[in-house]
Protein backbone atom coordinates (compact mmCIF):
# COMPACT_ATOMS: atom_id res chain seq x y z
CA UNK A 1 0.00 0.00 0.00
CA UNK A 2 1.29 3.45 -0.91
CA UNK A 3 1.99 5.80 1.99
CA UNK A 4 1.02 9.44 1.85
CA UNK A 5 4.65 10.35 1.09
CA UNK A 6 4.81 7.76 -1.72
CA UNK A 7 1.71 9.26 -3.31
CA UNK A 8 3.19 12.75 -3.06
CA UNK A 9 6.43 11.58 -4.70
CA UNK A 10 4.50 9.91 -7.55
CA UNK A 11 2.48 13.09 -8.03
CA UNK A 12 5.68 15.16 -8.03
CA UNK A 13 7.26 12.83 -10.62
CA UNK A 14 4.32 13.49 -12.92
CA UNK A 15 4.69 17.22 -12.34
CA UNK A 16 8.43 17.13 -13.02
CA UNK A 17 7.72 15.22 -16.25
CA UNK A 18 5.47 18.08 -17.34
CA UNK A 19 7.76 20.89 -16.23
CA UNK A 20 10.88 19.46 -17.86
CA UNK A 21 9.27 18.63 -21.18
CA UNK A 22 8.62 14.93 -20.63
CA UNK A 23 4.91 14.17 -20.51
CA UNK A 24 3.06 10.87 -20.74
CA UNK A 25 5.14 9.85 -23.75
CA UNK A 26 8.79 10.15 -22.75
CA UNK A 27 10.70 12.45 -25.08
CA UNK A 28 13.99 11.03 -26.30
CA UNK A 29 16.63 13.41 -27.58
CA UNK A 30 17.61 11.20 -30.50
CA UNK A 31 20.07 13.52 -32.24
CA UNK A 32 22.07 16.61 -31.40
CA UNK A 33 20.30 19.44 -33.21
CA UNK A 34 22.19 22.63 -34.04
CA UNK A 35 20.67 24.65 -31.21
CA UNK A 36 21.64 22.03 -28.64
CA UNK A 37 25.12 21.76 -30.15
CA UNK A 38 25.66 25.48 -29.60
CA UNK A 39 24.21 25.17 -26.10
CA UNK A 40 26.56 22.40 -24.94
CA UNK A 41 29.56 24.23 -26.37
CA UNK A 42 28.50 27.30 -24.40
CA UNK A 43 28.17 25.18 -21.25
CA UNK A 44 31.79 24.09 -21.62
CA UNK A 45 32.96 27.66 -22.24
CA UNK A 46 31.16 28.99 -19.15
CA UNK A 47 32.74 26.22 -17.07
CA UNK A 48 36.36 26.93 -18.03
CA UNK A 49 36.69 29.95 -20.32
CA UNK A 50 37.82 33.47 -19.47
CA UNK A 51 35.50 36.47 -19.83
CA UNK A 52 36.46 37.07 -23.45
CA UNK A 53 35.76 33.43 -24.31
CA UNK A 54 32.39 33.64 -22.59
CA UNK A 55 31.58 36.86 -24.44
CA UNK A 56 32.47 35.22 -27.75
CA UNK A 57 30.55 32.06 -26.92
CA UNK A 58 27.41 34.01 -26.06
CA UNK A 59 27.71 36.03 -29.28
CA UNK A 60 27.90 32.81 -31.29
CA UNK A 61 24.98 31.23 -29.46
CA UNK A 62 22.53 34.14 -29.35
CA UNK A 63 21.25 33.69 -32.91
CA UNK A 64 21.23 29.90 -32.78
CA UNK A 65 19.76 29.00 -29.37
CA UNK A 66 16.43 30.00 -27.78
CA UNK A 67 17.11 32.80 -25.31
CA UNK A 68 15.30 30.95 -22.53
CA UNK A 69 17.63 27.95 -22.93
CA UNK A 70 20.70 30.16 -22.60
CA UNK A 71 19.34 31.89 -19.52
CA UNK A 72 18.56 28.55 -17.86
CA UNK A 73 22.01 27.20 -18.75
CA UNK A 74 23.65 30.20 -17.11
CA UNK A 75 21.51 29.82 -13.99
CA UNK A 76 22.35 26.12 -13.58
CA UNK A 77 26.05 26.73 -14.19
CA UNK A 78 26.61 27.88 -10.61
CA UNK A 79 26.04 24.28 -9.50
CA UNK A 80 28.96 23.06 -11.60
CA UNK A 81 31.39 25.96 -11.88
CA UNK A 82 30.51 28.36 -9.06
CA UNK A 83 28.97 31.78 -8.56
CA UNK A 84 31.81 33.92 -9.99
CA UNK A 85 31.62 32.32 -13.44
CA UNK A 86 27.84 32.33 -13.39
CA UNK A 87 27.67 35.99 -12.40
CA UNK A 88 30.15 36.93 -15.12
CA UNK A 89 28.26 34.94 -17.74
CA UNK A 90 24.91 36.46 -16.77
CA UNK A 91 26.41 39.94 -16.81
CA UNK A 92 27.71 39.41 -20.34
CA UNK A 93 24.35 37.95 -21.38
CA UNK A 94 22.48 41.01 -20.10
CA UNK A 95 24.92 43.33 -21.87
CA UNK A 96 24.64 41.41 -25.13
CA UNK A 97 20.87 41.06 -25.28
CA UNK A 98 19.43 43.80 -23.12
CA UNK A 99 17.04 41.22 -21.66
CA UNK A 100 15.80 42.04 -18.19
CA UNK A 101 15.51 39.45 -15.45
CA UNK A 102 12.16 38.21 -14.23
CA UNK A 103 11.27 39.39 -10.75
CA UNK A 104 9.57 36.11 -9.83
CA UNK A 105 11.25 33.32 -7.86
CA UNK A 106 10.21 29.96 -9.34
CA UNK A 107 8.61 27.57 -6.86
CA UNK A 108 6.90 28.07 -3.52
CA UNK A 109 9.76 27.27 -1.17
CA UNK A 110 11.88 24.54 0.41
CA UNK A 111 9.10 21.95 0.82
CA UNK A 112 8.21 22.06 -2.88
CA UNK A 113 11.87 22.20 -3.90
CA UNK A 114 12.60 19.11 -1.79
CA UNK A 115 9.80 17.08 -3.41
CA UNK A 116 10.78 18.24 -6.89
CA UNK A 117 14.43 17.57 -6.12
CA UNK A 118 13.82 14.04 -4.94
CA UNK A 119 11.73 13.31 -8.04
CA UNK A 120 14.23 14.78 -10.49
CA UNK A 121 17.26 13.22 -8.82
CA UNK A 122 15.52 9.83 -8.89
CA UNK A 123 14.95 10.23 -12.64
CA UNK A 124 18.61 11.08 -13.26
CA UNK A 125 20.13 8.36 -11.08
CA UNK A 126 17.54 5.62 -11.57
CA UNK A 127 18.39 2.47 -9.63
CA UNK A 128 21.48 4.18 -8.17
CA UNK A 129 19.40 6.89 -6.45
CA UNK A 130 19.25 5.35 -2.97
CA UNK A 131 22.97 4.54 -3.01
CA UNK A 132 23.73 8.11 -4.08
CA UNK A 133 21.80 9.53 -1.13
CA UNK A 134 23.63 7.24 1.31
CA UNK A 135 27.02 8.15 -0.16
CA UNK A 136 26.40 11.90 -0.10
CA UNK A 137 25.06 11.82 3.46
CA UNK A 138 28.25 10.01 4.46
CA UNK A 139 30.27 12.90 3.05
CA UNK A 140 28.11 15.40 4.95
CA UNK A 141 24.34 15.55 5.63
CA UNK A 142 24.24 19.20 4.56
CA UNK A 143 25.65 18.31 1.14
CA UNK A 144 22.80 15.85 0.69
CA UNK A 145 20.27 18.53 1.69
CA UNK A 146 21.76 21.10 -0.67
CA UNK A 147 22.03 18.62 -3.53
CA UNK A 148 18.31 17.77 -3.30
CA UNK A 149 16.75 21.10 -2.36
CA UNK A 150 19.03 23.54 -4.12
CA UNK A 151 20.52 21.50 -6.95
CA UNK A 152 17.82 19.16 -8.18
CA UNK A 153 14.80 20.93 -6.70
CA UNK A 154 15.35 24.65 -7.04
CA UNK A 155 17.53 24.64 -10.15
CA UNK A 156 17.42 21.50 -12.31
CA UNK A 157 13.64 21.09 -11.99
CA UNK A 158 12.95 24.56 -13.35
CA UNK A 159 10.86 24.93 -16.49
CA UNK A 160 12.46 26.60 -19.49
CA UNK A 161 14.94 23.88 -20.41
CA UNK A 162 14.09 20.18 -20.58
CA UNK A 163 15.96 17.69 -18.42
CA UNK A 164 17.70 15.82 -21.30
CA UNK A 165 19.31 19.06 -22.50
CA UNK A 166 20.18 20.06 -18.94
CA UNK A 167 22.00 16.73 -18.56
CA UNK A 168 23.92 17.27 -21.81
CA UNK A 169 25.02 20.69 -20.55
CA UNK A 170 26.20 19.08 -17.30
CA UNK A 171 28.13 16.49 -19.32
CA UNK A 172 29.79 19.31 -21.27
CA UNK A 173 30.69 21.27 -18.13
CA UNK A 174 32.13 18.21 -16.38
CA UNK A 175 34.13 17.22 -19.47
CA UNK A 176 35.53 20.74 -19.79
CA UNK A 177 36.54 20.92 -16.12
CA UNK A 178 37.73 17.28 -16.09
CA UNK A 179 35.47 16.26 -13.23
CA UNK A 180 35.49 12.60 -14.19
CA UNK A 181 33.40 11.17 -11.35
CA UNK A 182 30.57 13.59 -12.03
CA UNK A 183 30.97 13.13 -15.79
CA UNK A 184 30.56 9.38 -15.36
CA UNK A 185 27.39 9.89 -13.28
CA UNK A 186 25.81 12.32 -15.72
CA UNK A 187 26.62 10.25 -18.79
CA UNK A 188 24.48 7.59 -17.14
CA UNK A 189 22.01 10.30 -16.07
CA UNK A 190 21.57 11.54 -19.62
CA UNK A 191 20.72 8.02 -20.75
CA UNK A 192 18.31 7.64 -17.83
CA UNK A 193 16.33 10.76 -18.80
CA UNK A 194 16.01 9.81 -22.46
CA UNK A 195 19.08 11.00 -24.35
CA UNK A 196 20.01 8.58 -27.12
CA UNK A 197 23.62 7.31 -27.17
CA UNK A 198 24.08 8.91 -30.60
CA UNK A 199 23.28 12.33 -29.13
CA UNK A 200 25.79 11.80 -26.33
CA UNK A 201 28.50 10.78 -28.80
CA UNK A 202 27.73 13.90 -30.84
CA UNK A 203 27.84 16.07 -27.70
CA UNK A 204 31.39 14.98 -26.91
CA UNK A 205 32.39 15.51 -30.54
CA UNK A 206 30.86 19.00 -30.41
CA UNK A 207 33.25 19.98 -27.61
CA UNK A 208 36.23 19.94 -29.96
CA UNK A 209 37.64 23.43 -30.18
CA UNK A 210 36.29 24.55 -26.80
CA UNK A 211 37.73 21.69 -24.70
CA UNK A 212 41.35 20.60 -25.03
CA UNK A 213 42.13 17.63 -27.28
CA UNK A 214 43.23 15.71 -24.18
CA UNK A 215 39.96 16.57 -22.43
CA UNK A 216 37.84 15.44 -25.37
CA UNK A 217 39.83 12.21 -25.67
CA UNK A 218 39.41 11.54 -21.95
CA UNK A 219 35.67 12.17 -22.11
CA UNK A 220 35.36 9.94 -25.18
CA UNK A 221 37.20 7.13 -23.41
CA UNK A 222 34.94 7.39 -20.37
CA UNK A 223 31.86 7.43 -22.60
CA UNK A 224 33.01 4.25 -24.34
CA UNK A 225 33.34 2.57 -20.94
CA UNK A 226 29.82 3.67 -20.01
CA UNK A 227 28.49 2.35 -23.31
CA UNK A 228 30.20 -0.99 -22.75
CA UNK A 229 28.71 -1.22 -19.28
CA UNK A 230 25.24 -0.67 -20.72
CA UNK A 231 25.67 -3.19 -23.53
CA UNK A 232 28.79 -5.28 -22.98
CA UNK A 233 30.61 -6.38 -26.12
CA UNK A 234 30.65 -10.23 -26.36
C-alpha atoms as a PDB file:
ATOM      1  CA  UNK A   1       0.000   0.000   0.000  1.00  0.00           C
ATOM      2  CA  UNK A   2       1.289   3.447  -0.908  1.00  0.00           C
ATOM      3  CA  UNK A   3       1.990   5.798   1.986  1.00  0.00           C
ATOM      4  CA  UNK A   4       1.024   9.444   1.854  1.00  0.00           C
ATOM      5  CA  UNK A   5       4.649  10.351   1.086  1.00  0.00           C
ATOM      6  CA  UNK A   6       4.806   7.762  -1.725  1.00  0.00           C
ATOM      7  CA  UNK A   7       1.707   9.263  -3.309  1.00  0.00           C
ATOM      8  CA  UNK A   8       3.195  12.754  -3.056  1.00  0.00           C
ATOM      9  CA  UNK A   9       6.433  11.584  -4.705  1.00  0.00           C
ATOM     10  CA  UNK A  10       4.498   9.908  -7.550  1.00  0.00           C
ATOM     11  CA  UNK A  11       2.477  13.091  -8.028  1.00  0.00           C
ATOM     12  CA  UNK A  12       5.675  15.163  -8.025  1.00  0.00           C
ATOM     13  CA  UNK A  13       7.261  12.834 -10.615  1.00  0.00           C
ATOM     14  CA  UNK A  14       4.322  13.493 -12.918  1.00  0.00           C
ATOM     15  CA  UNK A  15       4.693  17.216 -12.342  1.00  0.00           C
ATOM     16  CA  UNK A  16       8.427  17.128 -13.018  1.00  0.00           C
ATOM     17  CA  UNK A  17       7.723  15.217 -16.245  1.00  0.00           C
ATOM     18  CA  UNK A  18       5.467  18.075 -17.342  1.00  0.00           C
ATOM     19  CA  UNK A  19       7.756  20.894 -16.227  1.00  0.00           C
ATOM     20  CA  UNK A  20      10.875  19.464 -17.864  1.00  0.00           C
ATOM     21  CA  UNK A  21       9.273  18.630 -21.185  1.00  0.00           C
ATOM     22  CA  UNK A  22       8.616  14.927 -20.634  1.00  0.00           C
ATOM     23  CA  UNK A  23       4.908  14.172 -20.508  1.00  0.00           C
ATOM     24  CA  UNK A  24       3.062  10.872 -20.739  1.00  0.00           C
ATOM     25  CA  UNK A  25       5.142   9.849 -23.748  1.00  0.00           C
ATOM     26  CA  UNK A  26       8.788  10.154 -22.748  1.00  0.00           C
ATOM     27  CA  UNK A  27      10.702  12.447 -25.080  1.00  0.00           C
ATOM     28  CA  UNK A  28      13.987  11.034 -26.303  1.00  0.00           C
ATOM     29  CA  UNK A  29      16.632  13.408 -27.575  1.00  0.00           C
ATOM     30  CA  UNK A  30      17.612  11.201 -30.497  1.00  0.00           C
ATOM     31  CA  UNK A  31      20.069  13.521 -32.235  1.00  0.00           C
ATOM     32  CA  UNK A  32      22.072  16.612 -31.404  1.00  0.00           C
ATOM     33  CA  UNK A  33      20.298  19.442 -33.210  1.00  0.00           C
ATOM     34  CA  UNK A  34      22.193  22.625 -34.044  1.00  0.00           C
ATOM     35  CA  UNK A  35      20.668  24.650 -31.214  1.00  0.00           C
ATOM     36  CA  UNK A  36      21.643  22.031 -28.635  1.00  0.00           C
ATOM     37  CA  UNK A  37      25.124  21.755 -30.149  1.00  0.00           C
ATOM     38  CA  UNK A  38      25.662  25.484 -29.598  1.00  0.00           C
ATOM     39  CA  UNK A  39      24.206  25.170 -26.098  1.00  0.00           C
ATOM     40  CA  UNK A  40      26.560  22.397 -24.942  1.00  0.00           C
ATOM     41  CA  UNK A  41      29.563  24.227 -26.370  1.00  0.00           C
ATOM     42  CA  UNK A  42      28.498  27.300 -24.397  1.00  0.00           C
ATOM     43  CA  UNK A  43      28.169  25.175 -21.249  1.00  0.00           C
ATOM     44  CA  UNK A  44      31.789  24.087 -21.615  1.00  0.00           C
ATOM     45  CA  UNK A  45      32.956  27.661 -22.239  1.00  0.00           C
ATOM     46  CA  UNK A  46      31.159  28.990 -19.155  1.00  0.00           C
ATOM     47  CA  UNK A  47      32.740  26.223 -17.068  1.00  0.00           C
ATOM     48  CA  UNK A  48      36.357  26.927 -18.031  1.00  0.00           C
ATOM     49  CA  UNK A  49      36.685  29.954 -20.324  1.00  0.00           C
ATOM     50  CA  UNK A  50      37.818  33.469 -19.469  1.00  0.00           C
ATOM     51  CA  UNK A  51      35.501  36.471 -19.826  1.00  0.00           C
ATOM     52  CA  UNK A  52      36.464  37.065 -23.448  1.00  0.00           C
ATOM     53  CA  UNK A  53      35.763  33.428 -24.312  1.00  0.00           C
ATOM     54  CA  UNK A  54      32.387  33.639 -22.588  1.00  0.00           C
ATOM     55  CA  UNK A  55      31.578  36.862 -24.442  1.00  0.00           C
ATOM     56  CA  UNK A  56      32.469  35.223 -27.751  1.00  0.00           C
ATOM     57  CA  UNK A  57      30.548  32.056 -26.922  1.00  0.00           C
ATOM     58  CA  UNK A  58      27.408  34.011 -26.065  1.00  0.00           C
ATOM     59  CA  UNK A  59      27.714  36.026 -29.277  1.00  0.00           C
ATOM     60  CA  UNK A  60      27.901  32.807 -31.292  1.00  0.00           C
ATOM     61  CA  UNK A  61      24.979  31.234 -29.456  1.00  0.00           C
ATOM     62  CA  UNK A  62      22.534  34.136 -29.350  1.00  0.00           C
ATOM     63  CA  UNK A  63      21.254  33.692 -32.912  1.00  0.00           C
ATOM     64  CA  UNK A  64      21.229  29.896 -32.776  1.00  0.00           C
ATOM     65  CA  UNK A  65      19.762  28.996 -29.373  1.00  0.00           C
ATOM     66  CA  UNK A  66      16.435  30.001 -27.779  1.00  0.00           C
ATOM     67  CA  UNK A  67      17.110  32.797 -25.313  1.00  0.00           C
ATOM     68  CA  UNK A  68      15.302  30.954 -22.525  1.00  0.00           C
ATOM     69  CA  UNK A  69      17.629  27.953 -22.927  1.00  0.00           C
ATOM     70  CA  UNK A  70      20.697  30.165 -22.602  1.00  0.00           C
ATOM     71  CA  UNK A  71      19.344  31.892 -19.521  1.00  0.00           C
ATOM     72  CA  UNK A  72      18.556  28.548 -17.864  1.00  0.00           C
ATOM     73  CA  UNK A  73      22.011  27.200 -18.749  1.00  0.00           C
ATOM     74  CA  UNK A  74      23.648  30.203 -17.113  1.00  0.00           C
ATOM     75  CA  UNK A  75      21.510  29.818 -13.991  1.00  0.00           C
ATOM     76  CA  UNK A  76      22.348  26.123 -13.581  1.00  0.00           C
ATOM     77  CA  UNK A  77      26.046  26.725 -14.188  1.00  0.00           C
ATOM     78  CA  UNK A  78      26.606  27.878 -10.612  1.00  0.00           C
ATOM     79  CA  UNK A  79      26.037  24.282  -9.498  1.00  0.00           C
ATOM     80  CA  UNK A  80      28.962  23.059 -11.596  1.00  0.00           C
ATOM     81  CA  UNK A  81      31.392  25.959 -11.884  1.00  0.00           C
ATOM     82  CA  UNK A  82      30.512  28.355  -9.063  1.00  0.00           C
ATOM     83  CA  UNK A  83      28.969  31.778  -8.565  1.00  0.00           C
ATOM     84  CA  UNK A  84      31.814  33.919  -9.991  1.00  0.00           C
ATOM     85  CA  UNK A  85      31.624  32.323 -13.443  1.00  0.00           C
ATOM     86  CA  UNK A  86      27.839  32.335 -13.388  1.00  0.00           C
ATOM     87  CA  UNK A  87      27.666  35.990 -12.398  1.00  0.00           C
ATOM     88  CA  UNK A  88      30.152  36.929 -15.118  1.00  0.00           C
ATOM     89  CA  UNK A  89      28.259  34.945 -17.743  1.00  0.00           C
ATOM     90  CA  UNK A  90      24.906  36.456 -16.771  1.00  0.00           C
ATOM     91  CA  UNK A  91      26.411  39.944 -16.809  1.00  0.00           C
ATOM     92  CA  UNK A  92      27.708  39.408 -20.342  1.00  0.00           C
ATOM     93  CA  UNK A  93      24.349  37.954 -21.383  1.00  0.00           C
ATOM     94  CA  UNK A  94      22.478  41.012 -20.100  1.00  0.00           C
ATOM     95  CA  UNK A  95      24.916  43.325 -21.871  1.00  0.00           C
ATOM     96  CA  UNK A  96      24.642  41.407 -25.127  1.00  0.00           C
ATOM     97  CA  UNK A  97      20.869  41.060 -25.280  1.00  0.00           C
ATOM     98  CA  UNK A  98      19.431  43.805 -23.124  1.00  0.00           C
ATOM     99  CA  UNK A  99      17.036  41.225 -21.664  1.00  0.00           C
ATOM    100  CA  UNK A 100      15.800  42.043 -18.187  1.00  0.00           C
ATOM    101  CA  UNK A 101      15.511  39.453 -15.447  1.00  0.00           C
ATOM    102  CA  UNK A 102      12.159  38.205 -14.234  1.00  0.00           C
ATOM    103  CA  UNK A 103      11.269  39.390 -10.750  1.00  0.00           C
ATOM    104  CA  UNK A 104       9.568  36.115  -9.828  1.00  0.00           C
ATOM    105  CA  UNK A 105      11.251  33.315  -7.865  1.00  0.00           C
ATOM    106  CA  UNK A 106      10.211  29.961  -9.344  1.00  0.00           C
ATOM    107  CA  UNK A 107       8.605  27.568  -6.864  1.00  0.00           C
ATOM    108  CA  UNK A 108       6.897  28.070  -3.521  1.00  0.00           C
ATOM    109  CA  UNK A 109       9.760  27.266  -1.173  1.00  0.00           C
ATOM    110  CA  UNK A 110      11.880  24.535   0.415  1.00  0.00           C
ATOM    111  CA  UNK A 111       9.104  21.948   0.820  1.00  0.00           C
ATOM    112  CA  UNK A 112       8.208  22.061  -2.879  1.00  0.00           C
ATOM    113  CA  UNK A 113      11.873  22.199  -3.896  1.00  0.00           C
ATOM    114  CA  UNK A 114      12.601  19.114  -1.788  1.00  0.00           C
ATOM    115  CA  UNK A 115       9.795  17.084  -3.406  1.00  0.00           C
ATOM    116  CA  UNK A 116      10.780  18.245  -6.892  1.00  0.00           C
ATOM    117  CA  UNK A 117      14.432  17.574  -6.121  1.00  0.00           C
ATOM    118  CA  UNK A 118      13.820  14.039  -4.941  1.00  0.00           C
ATOM    119  CA  UNK A 119      11.731  13.308  -8.037  1.00  0.00           C
ATOM    120  CA  UNK A 120      14.232  14.778 -10.492  1.00  0.00           C
ATOM    121  CA  UNK A 121      17.264  13.218  -8.817  1.00  0.00           C
ATOM    122  CA  UNK A 122      15.524   9.830  -8.893  1.00  0.00           C
ATOM    123  CA  UNK A 123      14.947  10.228 -12.641  1.00  0.00           C
ATOM    124  CA  UNK A 124      18.606  11.083 -13.262  1.00  0.00           C
ATOM    125  CA  UNK A 125      20.127   8.355 -11.084  1.00  0.00           C
ATOM    126  CA  UNK A 126      17.541   5.624 -11.575  1.00  0.00           C
ATOM    127  CA  UNK A 127      18.385   2.473  -9.628  1.00  0.00           C
ATOM    128  CA  UNK A 128      21.479   4.180  -8.173  1.00  0.00           C
ATOM    129  CA  UNK A 129      19.401   6.886  -6.446  1.00  0.00           C
ATOM    130  CA  UNK A 130      19.253   5.348  -2.966  1.00  0.00           C
ATOM    131  CA  UNK A 131      22.973   4.536  -3.005  1.00  0.00           C
ATOM    132  CA  UNK A 132      23.731   8.115  -4.085  1.00  0.00           C
ATOM    133  CA  UNK A 133      21.797   9.526  -1.131  1.00  0.00           C
ATOM    134  CA  UNK A 134      23.626   7.235   1.314  1.00  0.00           C
ATOM    135  CA  UNK A 135      27.017   8.150  -0.162  1.00  0.00           C
ATOM    136  CA  UNK A 136      26.398  11.905  -0.104  1.00  0.00           C
ATOM    137  CA  UNK A 137      25.059  11.818   3.458  1.00  0.00           C
ATOM    138  CA  UNK A 138      28.246  10.012   4.456  1.00  0.00           C
ATOM    139  CA  UNK A 139      30.268  12.902   3.050  1.00  0.00           C
ATOM    140  CA  UNK A 140      28.108  15.400   4.951  1.00  0.00           C
ATOM    141  CA  UNK A 141      24.342  15.549   5.629  1.00  0.00           C
ATOM    142  CA  UNK A 142      24.236  19.200   4.557  1.00  0.00           C
ATOM    143  CA  UNK A 143      25.653  18.305   1.144  1.00  0.00           C
ATOM    144  CA  UNK A 144      22.797  15.851   0.690  1.00  0.00           C
ATOM    145  CA  UNK A 145      20.267  18.525   1.688  1.00  0.00           C
ATOM    146  CA  UNK A 146      21.759  21.105  -0.671  1.00  0.00           C
ATOM    147  CA  UNK A 147      22.027  18.616  -3.528  1.00  0.00           C
ATOM    148  CA  UNK A 148      18.308  17.766  -3.305  1.00  0.00           C
ATOM    149  CA  UNK A 149      16.751  21.099  -2.358  1.00  0.00           C
ATOM    150  CA  UNK A 150      19.031  23.539  -4.121  1.00  0.00           C
ATOM    151  CA  UNK A 151      20.519  21.498  -6.947  1.00  0.00           C
ATOM    152  CA  UNK A 152      17.817  19.162  -8.180  1.00  0.00           C
ATOM    153  CA  UNK A 153      14.801  20.928  -6.698  1.00  0.00           C
ATOM    154  CA  UNK A 154      15.349  24.648  -7.035  1.00  0.00           C
ATOM    155  CA  UNK A 155      17.531  24.636 -10.154  1.00  0.00           C
ATOM    156  CA  UNK A 156      17.424  21.502 -12.305  1.00  0.00           C
ATOM    157  CA  UNK A 157      13.641  21.091 -11.994  1.00  0.00           C
ATOM    158  CA  UNK A 158      12.955  24.562 -13.351  1.00  0.00           C
ATOM    159  CA  UNK A 159      10.863  24.930 -16.494  1.00  0.00           C
ATOM    160  CA  UNK A 160      12.463  26.602 -19.494  1.00  0.00           C
ATOM    161  CA  UNK A 161      14.944  23.884 -20.414  1.00  0.00           C
ATOM    162  CA  UNK A 162      14.094  20.184 -20.582  1.00  0.00           C
ATOM    163  CA  UNK A 163      15.963  17.694 -18.424  1.00  0.00           C
ATOM    164  CA  UNK A 164      17.697  15.816 -21.297  1.00  0.00           C
ATOM    165  CA  UNK A 165      19.313  19.063 -22.498  1.00  0.00           C
ATOM    166  CA  UNK A 166      20.182  20.055 -18.944  1.00  0.00           C
ATOM    167  CA  UNK A 167      21.997  16.733 -18.562  1.00  0.00           C
ATOM    168  CA  UNK A 168      23.920  17.268 -21.807  1.00  0.00           C
ATOM    169  CA  UNK A 169      25.016  20.687 -20.551  1.00  0.00           C
ATOM    170  CA  UNK A 170      26.196  19.080 -17.301  1.00  0.00           C
ATOM    171  CA  UNK A 171      28.126  16.488 -19.318  1.00  0.00           C
ATOM    172  CA  UNK A 172      29.792  19.312 -21.266  1.00  0.00           C
ATOM    173  CA  UNK A 173      30.689  21.273 -18.127  1.00  0.00           C
ATOM    174  CA  UNK A 174      32.125  18.206 -16.384  1.00  0.00           C
ATOM    175  CA  UNK A 175      34.125  17.223 -19.465  1.00  0.00           C
ATOM    176  CA  UNK A 176      35.532  20.738 -19.793  1.00  0.00           C
ATOM    177  CA  UNK A 177      36.535  20.922 -16.118  1.00  0.00           C
ATOM    178  CA  UNK A 178      37.734  17.280 -16.087  1.00  0.00           C
ATOM    179  CA  UNK A 179      35.465  16.258 -13.232  1.00  0.00           C
ATOM    180  CA  UNK A 180      35.491  12.599 -14.190  1.00  0.00           C
ATOM    181  CA  UNK A 181      33.398  11.170 -11.349  1.00  0.00           C
ATOM    182  CA  UNK A 182      30.571  13.592 -12.032  1.00  0.00           C
ATOM    183  CA  UNK A 183      30.974  13.133 -15.792  1.00  0.00           C
ATOM    184  CA  UNK A 184      30.557   9.383 -15.357  1.00  0.00           C
ATOM    185  CA  UNK A 185      27.394   9.893 -13.281  1.00  0.00           C
ATOM    186  CA  UNK A 186      25.814  12.325 -15.725  1.00  0.00           C
ATOM    187  CA  UNK A 187      26.620  10.250 -18.791  1.00  0.00           C
ATOM    188  CA  UNK A 188      24.476   7.591 -17.136  1.00  0.00           C
ATOM    189  CA  UNK A 189      22.011  10.296 -16.073  1.00  0.00           C
ATOM    190  CA  UNK A 190      21.568  11.537 -19.622  1.00  0.00           C
ATOM    191  CA  UNK A 191      20.716   8.022 -20.751  1.00  0.00           C
ATOM    192  CA  UNK A 192      18.306   7.641 -17.826  1.00  0.00           C
ATOM    193  CA  UNK A 193      16.327  10.760 -18.805  1.00  0.00           C
ATOM    194  CA  UNK A 194      16.006   9.808 -22.457  1.00  0.00           C
ATOM    195  CA  UNK A 195      19.080  11.005 -24.347  1.00  0.00           C
ATOM    196  CA  UNK A 196      20.007   8.585 -27.125  1.00  0.00           C
ATOM    197  CA  UNK A 197      23.616   7.305 -27.172  1.00  0.00           C
ATOM    198  CA  UNK A 198      24.084   8.915 -30.600  1.00  0.00           C
ATOM    199  CA  UNK A 199      23.284  12.325 -29.131  1.00  0.00           C
ATOM    200  CA  UNK A 200      25.794  11.799 -26.331  1.00  0.00           C
ATOM    201  CA  UNK A 201      28.499  10.782 -28.798  1.00  0.00           C
ATOM    202  CA  UNK A 202      27.725  13.905 -30.842  1.00  0.00           C
ATOM    203  CA  UNK A 203      27.841  16.066 -27.700  1.00  0.00           C
ATOM    204  CA  UNK A 204      31.388  14.982 -26.910  1.00  0.00           C
ATOM    205  CA  UNK A 205      32.392  15.511 -30.545  1.00  0.00           C
ATOM    206  CA  UNK A 206      30.855  18.996 -30.409  1.00  0.00           C
ATOM    207  CA  UNK A 207      33.249  19.979 -27.613  1.00  0.00           C
ATOM    208  CA  UNK A 208      36.227  19.942 -29.963  1.00  0.00           C
ATOM    209  CA  UNK A 209      37.643  23.428 -30.180  1.00  0.00           C
ATOM    210  CA  UNK A 210      36.292  24.549 -26.796  1.00  0.00           C
ATOM    211  CA  UNK A 211      37.729  21.689 -24.704  1.00  0.00           C
ATOM    212  CA  UNK A 212      41.346  20.599 -25.028  1.00  0.00           C
ATOM    213  CA  UNK A 213      42.129  17.634 -27.277  1.00  0.00           C
ATOM    214  CA  UNK A 214      43.226  15.706 -24.185  1.00  0.00           C
ATOM    215  CA  UNK A 215      39.960  16.570 -22.428  1.00  0.00           C
ATOM    216  CA  UNK A 216      37.839  15.436 -25.367  1.00  0.00           C
ATOM    217  CA  UNK A 217      39.835  12.210 -25.670  1.00  0.00           C
ATOM    218  CA  UNK A 218      39.407  11.535 -21.951  1.00  0.00           C
ATOM    219  CA  UNK A 219      35.665  12.170 -22.109  1.00  0.00           C
ATOM    220  CA  UNK A 220      35.355   9.943 -25.183  1.00  0.00           C
ATOM    221  CA  UNK A 221      37.199   7.133 -23.412  1.00  0.00           C
ATOM    222  CA  UNK A 222      34.942   7.392 -20.370  1.00  0.00           C
ATOM    223  CA  UNK A 223      31.857   7.430 -22.596  1.00  0.00           C
ATOM    224  CA  UNK A 224      33.014   4.246 -24.338  1.00  0.00           C
ATOM    225  CA  UNK A 225      33.336   2.569 -20.937  1.00  0.00           C
ATOM    226  CA  UNK A 226      29.821   3.667 -20.009  1.00  0.00           C
ATOM    227  CA  UNK A 227      28.493   2.350 -23.307  1.00  0.00           C
ATOM    228  CA  UNK A 228      30.204  -0.987 -22.750  1.00  0.00           C
ATOM    229  CA  UNK A 229      28.705  -1.225 -19.281  1.00  0.00           C
ATOM    230  CA  UNK A 230      25.242  -0.670 -20.720  1.00  0.00           C
ATOM    231  CA  UNK A 231      25.666  -3.191 -23.530  1.00  0.00           C
ATOM    232  CA  UNK A 232      28.791  -5.278 -22.979  1.00  0.00           C
ATOM    233  CA  UNK A 233      30.609  -6.379 -26.119  1.00  0.00           C
ATOM    234  CA  UNK A 234      30.647 -10.235 -26.362  1.00  0.00           C
END
